[in-house]
Amino acid sequence: LALTFWLQLDVSPGNCRPLQGHQGQVVIRLPARVHLTGVTVQHISKEVSPSGTIISAPRDVAVFGVDADGEEETLLGTFMYNVAEEAIQTFPLKVRSTHRGKMPGSK
């Protein structure tokens, strides 16, 4: 089972959802509990960038799961997006710590 999120319909070069500064966060709330196994990040390559650079590409990324109440966070994984590699990179996620041995959102 794969979940795909289109954070923006037009993903052509130059049409992005920019974040201010050097840090940012994106929160995706799902209507039901899911078991995530990986995260895929895509950024345009230098060759198709309107500015000729890719300094806006994400670098260090942390993914957290949140319980149903939105109070307890669980680190699911950290990774580094490498601009020297492919534009689309997939990173596996693993639960590193849990709240009382339960998955986020479980009762």
PDB file of N, CA and C in Angstrom:
ATOM      1  N   LEU A   1       0.850  -1.183   0.000  1.00  0.00           N
ATOM      2  CA  LEU A   1       0.000   0.000   0.000  1.00  0.00           C
ATOM      3  C   LEU A   1       0.882   1.228   0.000  1.00  0.00           C
ATOM      4  N   ALA A   2       0.642   2.124  -0.890  1.00  0.00           N
ATOM      5  CA  ALA A   2       1.422   3.358  -0.965  1.00  0.00           C
ATOM      6  C   ALA A   2       0.498   4.559  -0.850  1.00  0.00           C
ATOM      7  N   LEU A   3       0.906   5.518  -0.073  1.00  0.00           N
ATOM      8  CA  LEU A   3       0.180   6.783   0.040  1.00  0.00           C
ATOM      9  C   LEU A   3       0.979   7.844  -0.691  1.00  0.00           C
ATOM     10  N   THR A   4       0.321   8.616  -1.517  1.00  0.00           N
ATOM     11  CA  THR A   4       0.991   9.690  -2.232  1.00  0.00           C
ATOM     12  C   THR A   4       0.294  10.994  -1.906  1.00  0.00           C
ATOM     13  N   PHE A   5       1.071  11.976  -1.532  1.00  0.00           N
ATOM     14  CA  PHE A   5       0.521  13.287  -1.219  1.00  0.00           C
ATOM     15  C   PHE A   5       1.033  14.290  -2.227  1.00  0.00           C
ATOM     16  N   TRP A   6       0.132  14.999  -2.843  1.00  0.00           N
ATOM     17  CA  TRP A   6       0.500  16.104  -3.723  1.00  0.00           C
ATOM     18  C   TRP A   6       0.329  17.361  -2.906  1.00  0.00           C
ATOM     19  N   LEU A   7       1.414  17.888  -2.396  1.00  0.00           N
ATOM     20  CA  LEU A   7       1.344  19.104  -1.602  1.00  0.00           C
ATOM     21  C   LEU A   7       1.032  20.305  -2.488  1.00  0.00           C
ATOM     22  N   GLN A   8       1.269  20.156  -3.766  1.00  0.00           N
ATOM     23  CA  GLN A   8       0.960  21.231  -4.707  1.00  0.00           C
ATOM     24  C   GLN A   8       0.714  20.572  -6.063  1.00  0.00           C
ATOM     25  N   LEU A   9      -0.330  20.988  -6.749  1.00  0.00           N
ATOM     26  CA  LEU A   9      -0.664  20.359  -8.018  1.00  0.00           C
ATOM     27  C   LEU A   9       0.349  20.661  -9.111  1.00  0.00           C
ATOM     28  N   ASP A  10       0.824  21.890  -9.200  1.00  0.00           N
ATOM     29  CA  ASP A  10       1.790  22.249 -10.232  1.00  0.00           C
ATOM     30  C   ASP A  10       3.196  22.122  -9.661  1.00  0.00           C
ATOM     31  N   VAL A  11       3.890  21.060 -10.030  1.00  0.00           N
ATOM     32  CA  VAL A  11       5.234  20.821  -9.500  1.00  0.00           C
ATOM     33  C   VAL A  11       6.313  21.098 -10.552  1.00  0.00           C
ATOM     34  N   SER A  12       5.982  21.902 -11.553  1.00  0.00           N
ATOM     35  CA  SER A  12       6.973  22.239 -12.570  1.00  0.00           C
ATOM     36  C   SER A  12       8.019  23.191 -11.973  1.00  0.00           C
ATOM     37  N   PRO A  13       9.230  23.218 -12.546  1.00  0.00           N
ATOM     38  CA  PRO A  13      10.299  24.069 -12.014  1.00  0.00           C
ATOM     39  C   PRO A  13       9.854  25.524 -11.859  1.00  0.00           C
ATOM     40  N   GLY A  14      10.146  26.091 -10.708  1.00  0.00           N
ATOM     41  CA  GLY A  14       9.780  27.469 -10.414  1.00  0.00           C
ATOM     42  C   GLY A  14       8.450  27.615  -9.692  1.00  0.00           C
ATOM     43  N   ASN A  15       7.646  26.548  -9.670  1.00  0.00           N
ATOM     44  CA  ASN A  15       6.361  26.559  -8.958  1.00  0.00           C
ATOM     45  C   ASN A  15       6.483  25.664  -7.741  1.00  0.00           C
ATOM     46  N   CYS A  16       6.931  26.251  -6.647  1.00  0.00           N
ATOM     47  CA  CYS A  16       7.148  25.449  -5.446  1.00  0.00           C
ATOM     48  C   CYS A  16       6.448  26.091  -4.265  1.00  0.00           C
ATOM     49  N   ARG A  17       6.488  25.424  -3.176  1.00  0.00           N
ATOM     50  CA  ARG A  17       5.937  25.938  -1.926  1.00  0.00           C
ATOM     51  C   ARG A  17       7.133  26.335  -1.059  1.00  0.00           C
ATOM     52  N   PRO A  18       7.598  27.571  -1.197  1.00  0.00           N
ATOM     53  CA  PRO A  18       8.814  27.979  -0.486  1.00  0.00           C
ATOM     54  C   PRO A  18       8.592  28.148   1.013  1.00  0.00           C
ATOM     55  N   LEU A  19       9.646  27.905   1.760  1.00  0.00           N
ATOM     56  CA  LEU A  19       9.647  28.129   3.203  1.00  0.00           C
ATOM     57  C   LEU A  19      10.603  29.277   3.492  1.00  0.00           C
ATOM     58  N   GLN A  20      10.239  30.122   4.419  1.00  0.00           N
ATOM     59  CA  GLN A  20      11.091  31.260   4.783  1.00  0.00           C
ATOM     60  C   GLN A  20      12.248  30.795   5.660  1.00  0.00           C
ATOM     61  N   GLY A  21      13.421  31.336   5.458  1.00  0.00           N
ATOM     62  CA  GLY A  21      14.568  31.045   6.311  1.00  0.00           C
ATOM     63  C   GLY A  21      15.226  29.718   5.990  1.00  0.00           C
ATOM     64  N   HIS A  22      15.991  29.225   6.947  1.00  0.00           N
ATOM     65  CA  HIS A  22      16.765  28.005   6.757  1.00  0.00           C
ATOM     66  C   HIS A  22      16.104  26.776   7.353  1.00  0.00           C
ATOM     67  N   GLN A  23      14.977  26.948   8.016  1.00  0.00           N
ATOM     68  CA  GLN A  23      14.263  25.826   8.619  1.00  0.00           C
ATOM     69  C   GLN A  23      12.789  25.939   8.288  1.00  0.00           C
ATOM     70  N   GLY A  24      12.130  24.820   8.299  1.00  0.00           N
ATOM     71  CA  GLY A  24      10.693  24.821   8.065  1.00  0.00           C
ATOM     72  C   GLY A  24      10.110  23.503   8.498  1.00  0.00           C
ATOM     73  N   GLN A  25       8.801  23.459   8.533  1.00  0.00           N
ATOM     74  CA  GLN A  25       8.153  22.200   8.865  1.00  0.00           C
ATOM     75  C   GLN A  25       6.850  22.097   8.103  1.00  0.00           C
ATOM     76  N   VAL A  26       6.495  20.874   7.802  1.00  0.00           N
ATOM     77  CA  VAL A  26       5.257  20.560   7.119  1.00  0.00           C
ATOM     78  C   VAL A  26       4.521  19.563   7.994  1.00  0.00           C
ATOM     79  N   VAL A  27       3.250  19.814   8.242  1.00  0.00           N
ATOM     80  CA  VAL A  27       2.426  18.900   9.030  1.00  0.00           C
ATOM     81  C   VAL A  27       1.350  18.341   8.119  1.00  0.00           C
ATOM     82  N   ILE A  28       1.260  17.026   8.060  1.00  0.00           N
ATOM     83  CA  ILE A  28       0.229  16.356   7.271  1.00  0.00           C
ATOM     84  C   ILE A  28      -0.625  15.560   8.243  1.00  0.00           C
ATOM     85  N   ARG A  29      -1.879  15.947   8.361  1.00  0.00           N
ATOM     86  CA  ARG A  29      -2.807  15.243   9.253  1.00  0.00           C
ATOM     87  C   ARG A  29      -3.615  14.252   8.426  1.00  0.00           C
ATOM     88  N   LEU A  30      -3.596  13.008   8.860  1.00  0.00           N
ATOM     89  CA  LEU A  30      -4.312  11.958   8.150  1.00  0.00           C
ATOM     90  C   LEU A  30      -5.607  11.626   8.882  1.00  0.00           C
ATOM     91  N   PRO A  31      -6.637  11.213   8.156  1.00  0.00           N
ATOM     92  CA  PRO A  31      -7.928  10.923   8.791  1.00  0.00           C
ATOM     93  C   PRO A  31      -7.952   9.601   9.557  1.00  0.00           C
ATOM     94  N   ALA A  32      -6.936   8.777   9.372  1.00  0.00           N
ATOM     95  CA  ALA A  32      -6.891   7.482  10.056  1.00  0.00           C
ATOM     96  C   ALA A  32      -5.440   7.140  10.372  1.00  0.00           C
ATOM     97  N   ARG A  33      -5.254   6.218  11.291  1.00  0.00           N
ATOM     98  CA  ARG A  33      -3.912   5.767  11.655  1.00  0.00           C
ATOM     99  C   ARG A  33      -3.303   4.974  10.498  1.00  0.00           C
ATOM    100  N   VAL A  34      -2.035   5.215  10.222  1.00  0.00           N
ATOM    101  CA  VAL A  34      -1.324   4.507   9.162  1.00  0.00           C
ATOM    102  C   VAL A  34       0.018   4.027   9.703  1.00  0.00           C
ATOM    103  N   HIS A  35       0.602   3.075   9.020  1.00  0.00           N
ATOM    104  CA  HIS A  35       1.947   2.601   9.348  1.00  0.00           C
ATOM    105  C   HIS A  35       2.850   3.014   8.190  1.00  0.00           C
ATOM    106  N   LEU A  36       3.641   4.044   8.414  1.00  0.00           N
ATOM    107  CA  LEU A  36       4.532   4.545   7.371  1.00  0.00           C
ATOM    108  C   LEU A  36       5.816   3.726   7.331  1.00  0.00           C
ATOM    109  N   THR A  37       6.269   3.420   6.138  1.00  0.00           N
ATOM    110  CA  THR A  37       7.509   2.660   5.995  1.00  0.00           C
ATOM    111  C   THR A  37       8.614   3.479   5.343  1.00  0.00           C
ATOM    112  N   GLY A  38       8.262   4.598   4.723  1.00  0.00           N
ATOM    113  CA  GLY A  38       9.262   5.411   4.074  1.00  0.00           C
ATOM    114  C   GLY A  38       8.718   6.769   3.683  1.00  0.00           C
ATOM    115  N   VAL A  39       9.642   7.657   3.368  1.00  0.00           N
ATOM    116  CA  VAL A  39       9.318   9.002   2.909  1.00  0.00           C
ATOM    117  C   VAL A  39      10.113   9.244   1.632  1.00  0.00           C
ATOM    118  N   THR A  40       9.442   9.780   0.614  1.00  0.00           N
ATOM    119  CA  THR A  40      10.115  10.120  -0.635  1.00  0.00           C
ATOM    120  C   THR A  40      10.135  11.629  -0.780  1.00  0.00           C
ATOM    121  N   VAL A  41      11.314  12.162  -1.073  1.00  0.00           N
ATOM    122  CA  VAL A  41      11.499  13.592  -1.259  1.00  0.00           C
ATOM    123  C   VAL A  41      11.972  13.822  -2.694  1.00  0.00           C
ATOM    124  N   GLN A  42      11.366  14.814  -3.340  1.00  0.00           N
ATOM    125  CA  GLN A  42      11.773  15.171  -4.701  1.00  0.00           C
ATOM    126  C   GLN A  42      12.064  16.660  -4.756  1.00  0.00           C
ATOM    127  N   HIS A  43      13.160  17.002  -5.412  1.00  0.00           N
ATOM    128  CA  HIS A  43      13.520  18.402  -5.655  1.00  0.00           C
ATOM    129  C   HIS A  43      14.050  18.484  -7.075  1.00  0.00           C
ATOM    130  N   ILE A  44      13.851  19.616  -7.720  1.00  0.00           N
ATOM    131  CA  ILE A  44      14.317  19.729  -9.097  1.00  0.00           C
ATOM    132  C   ILE A  44      15.841  19.644  -9.154  1.00  0.00           C
ATOM    133  N   SER A  45      16.333  19.237 -10.303  1.00  0.00           N
ATOM    134  CA  SER A  45      17.786  19.167 -10.492  1.00  0.00           C
ATOM    135  C   SER A  45      18.308  20.535 -10.911  1.00  0.00           C
ATOM    136  N   LYS A  46      19.594  20.693 -10.793  1.00  0.00           N
ATOM    137  CA  LYS A  46      20.253  21.950 -11.164  1.00  0.00           C
ATOM    138  C   LYS A  46      20.030  22.275 -12.647  1.00  0.00           C
ATOM    139  N   GLU A  47      19.971  21.229 -13.461  1.00  0.00           N
ATOM    140  CA  GLU A  47      19.828  21.412 -14.909  1.00  0.00           C
ATOM    141  C   GLU A  47      18.484  22.029 -15.302  1.00  0.00           C
ATOM    142  N   VAL A  48      17.439  21.790 -14.561  1.00  0.00           N
ATOM    143  CA  VAL A  48      16.117  22.335 -14.918  1.00  0.00           C
ATOM    144  C   VAL A  48      15.689  23.490 -14.018  1.00  0.00           C
ATOM    145  N   SER A  49      16.527  23.872 -13.071  1.00  0.00           N
ATOM    146  CA  SER A  49      16.207  24.972 -12.166  1.00  0.00           C
ATOM    147  C   SER A  49      16.209  26.302 -12.914  1.00  0.00           C
ATOM    148  N   PRO A  50      15.140  27.107 -12.773  1.00  0.00           N
ATOM    149  CA  PRO A  50      15.104  28.413 -13.443  1.00  0.00           C
ATOM    150  C   PRO A  50      16.273  29.319 -13.046  1.00  0.00           C
ATOM    151  N   SER A  51      16.770  29.176 -11.812  1.00  0.00           N
ATOM    152  CA  SER A  51      17.883  30.014 -11.354  1.00  0.00           C
ATOM    153  C   SER A  51      19.246  29.373 -11.615  1.00  0.00           C
ATOM    154  N   GLY A  52      19.248  28.103 -12.008  1.00  0.00           N
ATOM    155  CA  GLY A  52      20.503  27.398 -12.239  1.00  0.00           C
ATOM    156  C   GLY A  52      21.146  26.877 -10.964  1.00  0.00           C
ATOM    157  N   THR A  53      20.449  27.050  -9.825  1.00  0.00           N
ATOM    158  CA  THR A  53      20.955  26.545  -8.545  1.00  0.00           C
ATOM    159  C   THR A  53      19.869  25.719  -7.860  1.00  0.00           C
ATOM    160  N   ILE A  54      20.284  24.969  -6.863  1.00  0.00           N
ATOM    161  CA  ILE A  54      19.319  24.196  -6.067  1.00  0.00           C
ATOM    162  C   ILE A  54      19.599  24.394  -4.578  1.00  0.00           C
ATOM    163  N   ILE A  55      19.941  25.624  -4.227  1.00  0.00           N
ATOM    164  CA  ILE A  55      20.243  25.925  -2.826  1.00  0.00           C
ATOM    165  C   ILE A  55      19.016  25.799  -1.937  1.00  0.00           C
ATOM    166  N   SER A  56      17.835  25.766  -2.538  1.00  0.00           N
ATOM    167  CA  SER A  56      16.603  25.642  -1.747  1.00  0.00           C
ATOM    168  C   SER A  56      16.254  24.192  -1.418  1.00  0.00           C
ATOM    169  N   ALA A  57      17.024  23.238  -1.906  1.00  0.00           N
ATOM    170  CA  ALA A  57      16.729  21.824  -1.661  1.00  0.00           C
ATOM    171  C   ALA A  57      16.806  21.514  -0.168  1.00  0.00           C
ATOM    172  N   PRO A  58      15.936  20.608   0.303  1.00  0.00           N
ATOM    173  CA  PRO A  58      16.016  20.223   1.716  1.00  0.00           C
ATOM    174  C   PRO A  58      17.323  19.489   1.980  1.00  0.00           C
ATOM    175  N   ARG A  59      17.780  19.524   3.209  1.00  0.00           N
ATOM    176  CA  ARG A  59      19.009  18.824   3.566  1.00  0.00           C
ATOM    177  C   ARG A  59      18.736  17.837   4.692  1.00  0.00           C
ATOM    178  N   ASP A  60      18.845  18.283   5.929  1.00  0.00           N
ATOM    179  CA  ASP A  60      18.597  17.412   7.074  1.00  0.00           C
ATOM    180  C   ASP A  60      17.103  17.395   7.375  1.00  0.00           C
ATOM    181  N   VAL A  61      16.537  16.197   7.412  1.00  0.00           N
ATOM    182  CA  VAL A  61      15.092  16.052   7.590  1.00  0.00           C
ATOM    183  C   VAL A  61      14.828  15.093   8.746  1.00  0.00           C
ATOM    184  N   ALA A  62      13.864  15.439   9.581  1.00  0.00           N
ATOM    185  CA  ALA A  62      13.402  14.560  10.653  1.00  0.00           C
ATOM    186  C   ALA A  62      11.907  14.344  10.451  1.00  0.00           C
ATOM    187  N   VAL A  63      11.466  13.108  10.610  1.00  0.00           N
ATOM    188  CA  VAL A  63      10.053  12.767  10.462  1.00  0.00           C
ATOM    189  C   VAL A  63       9.542  12.262  11.806  1.00  0.00           C
ATOM    190  N   PHE A  64       8.440  12.859  12.249  1.00  0.00           N
ATOM    191  CA  PHE A  64       7.828  12.492  13.521  1.00  0.00           C
ATOM    192  C   PHE A  64       6.410  12.005  13.293  1.00  0.00           C
ATOM    193  N   GLY A  65       5.976  11.066  14.105  1.00  0.00           N
ATOM    194  CA  GLY A  65       4.575  10.671  14.183  1.00  0.00           C
ATOM    195  C   GLY A  65       4.002  11.313  15.423  1.00  0.00           C
ATOM    196  N   VAL A  66       2.726  11.630  15.393  1.00  0.00           N
ATOM    197  CA  VAL A  66       2.063  12.263  16.528  1.00  0.00           C
ATOM    198  C   VAL A  66       0.864  11.417  16.919  1.00  0.00           C
ATOM    199  N   ASP A  67       0.630  11.282  18.224  1.00  0.00           N
ATOM    200  CA  ASP A  67      -0.513  10.493  18.682  1.00  0.00           C
ATOM    201  C   ASP A  67      -1.824  11.187  18.315  1.00  0.00           C
ATOM    202  N   ALA A  68      -2.938  10.487  18.529  1.00  0.00           N
ATOM    203  CA  ALA A  68      -4.256  10.988  18.147  1.00  0.00           C
ATOM    204  C   ALA A  68      -4.594  12.314  18.814  1.00  0.00           C
ATOM    205  N   ASP A  69      -4.063  12.572  20.003  1.00  0.00           N
ATOM    206  CA  ASP A  69      -4.336  13.828  20.699  1.00  0.00           C
ATOM    207  C   ASP A  69      -3.417  14.954  20.254  1.00  0.00           C
ATOM    208  N   GLY A  70      -2.413  14.635  19.439  1.00  0.00           N
ATOM    209  CA  GLY A  70      -1.478  15.637  18.962  1.00  0.00           C
ATOM    210  C   GLY A  70      -0.500  16.091  20.024  1.00  0.00           C
ATOM    211  N   GLU A  71      -0.320  15.286  21.064  1.00  0.00           N
ATOM    212  CA  GLU A  71       0.535  15.678  22.181  1.00  0.00           C
ATOM    213  C   GLU A  71       1.869  14.943  22.213  1.00  0.00           C
ATOM    214  N   GLU A  72       1.866  13.662  21.945  1.00  0.00           N
ATOM    215  CA  GLU A  72       3.057  12.820  22.085  1.00  0.00           C
ATOM    216  C   GLU A  72       3.689  12.586  20.720  1.00  0.00           C
ATOM    217  N   GLU A  73       4.957  12.982  20.553  1.00  0.00           N
ATOM    218  CA  GLU A  73       5.664  12.783  19.291  1.00  0.00           C
ATOM    219  C   GLU A  73       6.599  11.580  19.383  1.00  0.00           C
ATOM    220  N   THR A  74       6.735  10.866  18.272  1.00  0.00           N
ATOM    221  CA  THR A  74       7.667   9.750  18.163  1.00  0.00           C
ATOM    222  C   THR A  74       8.555   9.992  16.946  1.00  0.00           C
ATOM    223  N   LEU A  75       9.863   9.949  17.134  1.00  0.00           N
ATOM    224  CA  LEU A  75      10.787  10.103  16.028  1.00  0.00           C
ATOM    225  C   LEU A  75      10.743   8.847  15.166  1.00  0.00           C
ATOM    226  N   LEU A  76      10.398   9.010  13.892  1.00  0.00           N
ATOM    227  CA  LEU A  76      10.309   7.877  12.979  1.00  0.00           C
ATOM    228  C   LEU A  76      11.555   7.733  12.116  1.00  0.00           C
ATOM    229  N   GLY A  77      12.310   8.808  11.974  1.00  0.00           N
ATOM    230  CA  GLY A  77      13.530   8.711  11.192  1.00  0.00           C
ATOM    231  C   GLY A  77      14.152  10.066  10.919  1.00  0.00           C
ATOM    232  N   THR A  78      15.436  10.051  10.664  1.00  0.00           N
ATOM    233  CA  THR A  78      16.164  11.243  10.230  1.00  0.00           C
ATOM    234  C   THR A  78      16.960  10.852   8.998  1.00  0.00           C
ATOM    235  N   PHE A  79      17.115  11.791   8.087  1.00  0.00           N
ATOM    236  CA  PHE A  79      17.885  11.502   6.891  1.00  0.00           C
ATOM    237  C   PHE A  79      18.395  12.799   6.285  1.00  0.00           C
ATOM    238  N   MET A  80      19.317  12.649   5.325  1.00  0.00           N
ATOM    239  CA  MET A  80      19.880  13.799   4.635  1.00  0.00           C
ATOM    240  C   MET A  80      19.610  13.646   3.141  1.00  0.00           C
ATOM    241  N   TYR A  81      18.930  14.635   2.575  1.00  0.00           N
ATOM    242  CA  TYR A  81      18.705  14.676   1.134  1.00  0.00           C
ATOM    243  C   TYR A  81      20.013  15.146   0.497  1.00  0.00           C
ATOM    244  N   ASN A  82      20.522  14.383  -0.462  1.00  0.00           N
ATOM    245  CA  ASN A  82      21.808  14.676  -1.085  1.00  0.00           C
ATOM    246  C   ASN A  82      21.580  15.219  -2.495  1.00  0.00           C
ATOM    247  N   VAL A  83      21.862  16.505  -2.703  1.00  0.00           N
ATOM    248  CA  VAL A  83      21.620  17.136  -4.001  1.00  0.00           C
ATOM    249  C   VAL A  83      22.508  16.573  -5.105  1.00  0.00           C
ATOM    250  N   ALA A  84      23.565  15.866  -4.755  1.00  0.00           N
ATOM    251  CA  ALA A  84      24.457  15.275  -5.749  1.00  0.00           C
ATOM    252  C   ALA A  84      23.919  13.935  -6.276  1.00  0.00           C
ATOM    253  N   GLU A  85      22.850  13.432  -5.649  1.00  0.00           N
ATOM    254  CA  GLU A  85      22.264  12.161  -6.087  1.00  0.00           C
ATOM    255  C   GLU A  85      21.022  12.426  -6.927  1.00  0.00           C
ATOM    256  N   GLU A  86      20.208  11.401  -7.122  1.00  0.00           N
ATOM    257  CA  GLU A  86      18.983  11.525  -7.915  1.00  0.00           C
ATOM    258  C   GLU A  86      18.038  12.567  -7.315  1.00  0.00           C
ATOM    259  N   ALA A  87      17.211  13.174  -8.163  1.00  0.00           N
ATOM    260  CA  ALA A  87      16.259  14.194  -7.706  1.00  0.00           C
ATOM    261  C   ALA A  87      15.185  13.604  -6.790  1.00  0.00           C
ATOM    262  N   ILE A  88      14.827  12.338  -7.010  1.00  0.00           N
ATOM    263  CA  ILE A  88      13.839  11.648  -6.179  1.00  0.00           C
ATOM    264  C   ILE A  88      14.579  10.657  -5.294  1.00  0.00           C
ATOM    265  N   GLN A  89      14.471  10.824  -3.980  1.00  0.00           N
ATOM    266  CA  GLN A  89      15.162   9.954  -3.026  1.00  0.00           C
ATOM    267  C   GLN A  89      14.162   9.434  -1.994  1.00  0.00           C
ATOM    268  N   THR A  90      14.226   8.136  -1.716  1.00  0.00           N
ATOM    269  CA  THR A  90      13.336   7.509  -0.738  1.00  0.00           C
ATOM    270  C   THR A  90      14.151   7.060   0.462  1.00  0.00           C
ATOM    271  N   PHE A  91      13.600   7.328   1.641  1.00  0.00           N
ATOM    272  CA  PHE A  91      14.276   7.012   2.895  1.00  0.00           C
ATOM    273  C   PHE A  91      13.365   6.138   3.750  1.00  0.00           C
ATOM    274  N   PRO A  92      13.886   5.015   4.267  1.00  0.00           N
ATOM    275  CA  PRO A  92      13.069   4.154   5.120  1.00  0.00           C
ATOM    276  C   PRO A  92      12.855   4.790   6.492  1.00  0.00           C
ATOM    277  N   LEU A  93      11.715   4.493   7.095  1.00  0.00           N
ATOM    278  CA  LEU A  93      11.399   4.984   8.436  1.00  0.00           C
ATOM    279  C   LEU A  93      11.325   3.805   9.391  1.00  0.00           C
ATOM    280  N   LYS A  94      11.763   4.028  10.614  1.00  0.00           N
ATOM    281  CA  LYS A  94      11.662   3.026  11.674  1.00  0.00           C
ATOM    282  C   LYS A  94      11.298   3.750  12.953  1.00  0.00           C
ATOM    283  N   VAL A  95      10.438   3.148  13.735  1.00  0.00           N
ATOM    284  CA  VAL A  95      10.090   3.742  15.022  1.00  0.00           C
ATOM    285  C   VAL A  95      11.280   3.558  15.942  1.00  0.00           C
ATOM    286  N   ARG A  96      11.803   4.675  16.473  1.00  0.00           N
ATOM    287  CA  ARG A  96      12.987   4.609  17.337  1.00  0.00           C
ATOM    288  C   ARG A  96      12.624   4.628  18.811  1.00  0.00           C
ATOM    289  N   SER A  97      11.488   5.211  19.127  1.00  0.00           N
ATOM    290  CA  SER A  97      11.004   5.170  20.505  1.00  0.00           C
ATOM    291  C   SER A  97       9.492   5.256  20.444  1.00  0.00           C
ATOM    292  N   THR A  98       8.827   4.636  21.403  1.00  0.00           N
ATOM    293  CA  THR A  98       7.372   4.655  21.404  1.00  0.00           C
ATOM    294  C   THR A  98       6.865   5.094  22.754  1.00  0.00           C
ATOM    295  N   HIS A  99       5.650   5.520  22.769  1.00  0.00           N
ATOM    296  CA  HIS A  99       4.981   5.935  24.001  1.00  0.00           C
ATOM    297  C   HIS A  99       4.354   4.700  24.633  1.00  0.00           C
ATOM    298  N   ARG A 100       4.917   4.207  25.736  1.00  0.00           N
ATOM    299  CA  ARG A 100       4.445   3.018  26.440  1.00  0.00           C
ATOM    300  C   ARG A 100       4.323   1.814  25.518  1.00  0.00           C
ATOM    301  N   GLY A 101       5.229   1.718  24.538  1.00  0.00           N
ATOM    302  CA  GLY A 101       5.252   0.558  23.668  1.00  0.00           C
ATOM    303  C   GLY A 101       4.152   0.549  22.619  1.00  0.00           C
ATOM    304  N   LYS A 102       3.420   1.642  22.455  1.00  0.00           N
ATOM    305  CA  LYS A 102       2.336   1.678  21.503  1.00  0.00           C
ATOM    306  C   LYS A 102       2.683   2.594  20.346  1.00  0.00           C
ATOM    307  N   MET A 103       2.098   2.331  19.210  1.00  0.00           N
ATOM    308  CA  MET A 103       2.260   3.204  18.063  1.00  0.00           C
ATOM    309  C   MET A 103       1.484   4.490  18.316  1.00  0.00           C
ATOM    310  N   PRO A 104       1.934   5.610  17.750  1.00  0.00           N
ATOM    311  CA  PRO A 104       1.194   6.863  17.913  1.00  0.00           C
ATOM    312  C   PRO A 104      -0.249   6.694  17.459  1.00  0.00           C
ATOM    313  N   GLY A 105      -1.182   7.175  18.251  1.00  0.00           N
ATOM    314  CA  GLY A 105      -2.595   7.116  17.933  1.00  0.00           C
ATOM    315  C   GLY A 105      -3.305   5.877  18.433  1.00  0.00           C
ATOM    316  N   SER A 106      -2.548   4.894  18.962  1.00  0.00           N
ATOM    317  CA  SER A 106      -3.220   3.685  19.457  1.00  0.00           C
ATOM    318  C   SER A 106      -3.734   3.912  20.868  1.00  0.00           C
ATOM    319  N   LYS A 107      -4.705   3.133  21.254  1.00  0.00           N
ATOM    320  CA  LYS A 107      -5.311   3.264  22.590  1.00  0.00           C
ATOM    321  C   LYS A 107      -4.820   2.175  23.502  1.00  0.00           C
TER     322      LYS A 107
END
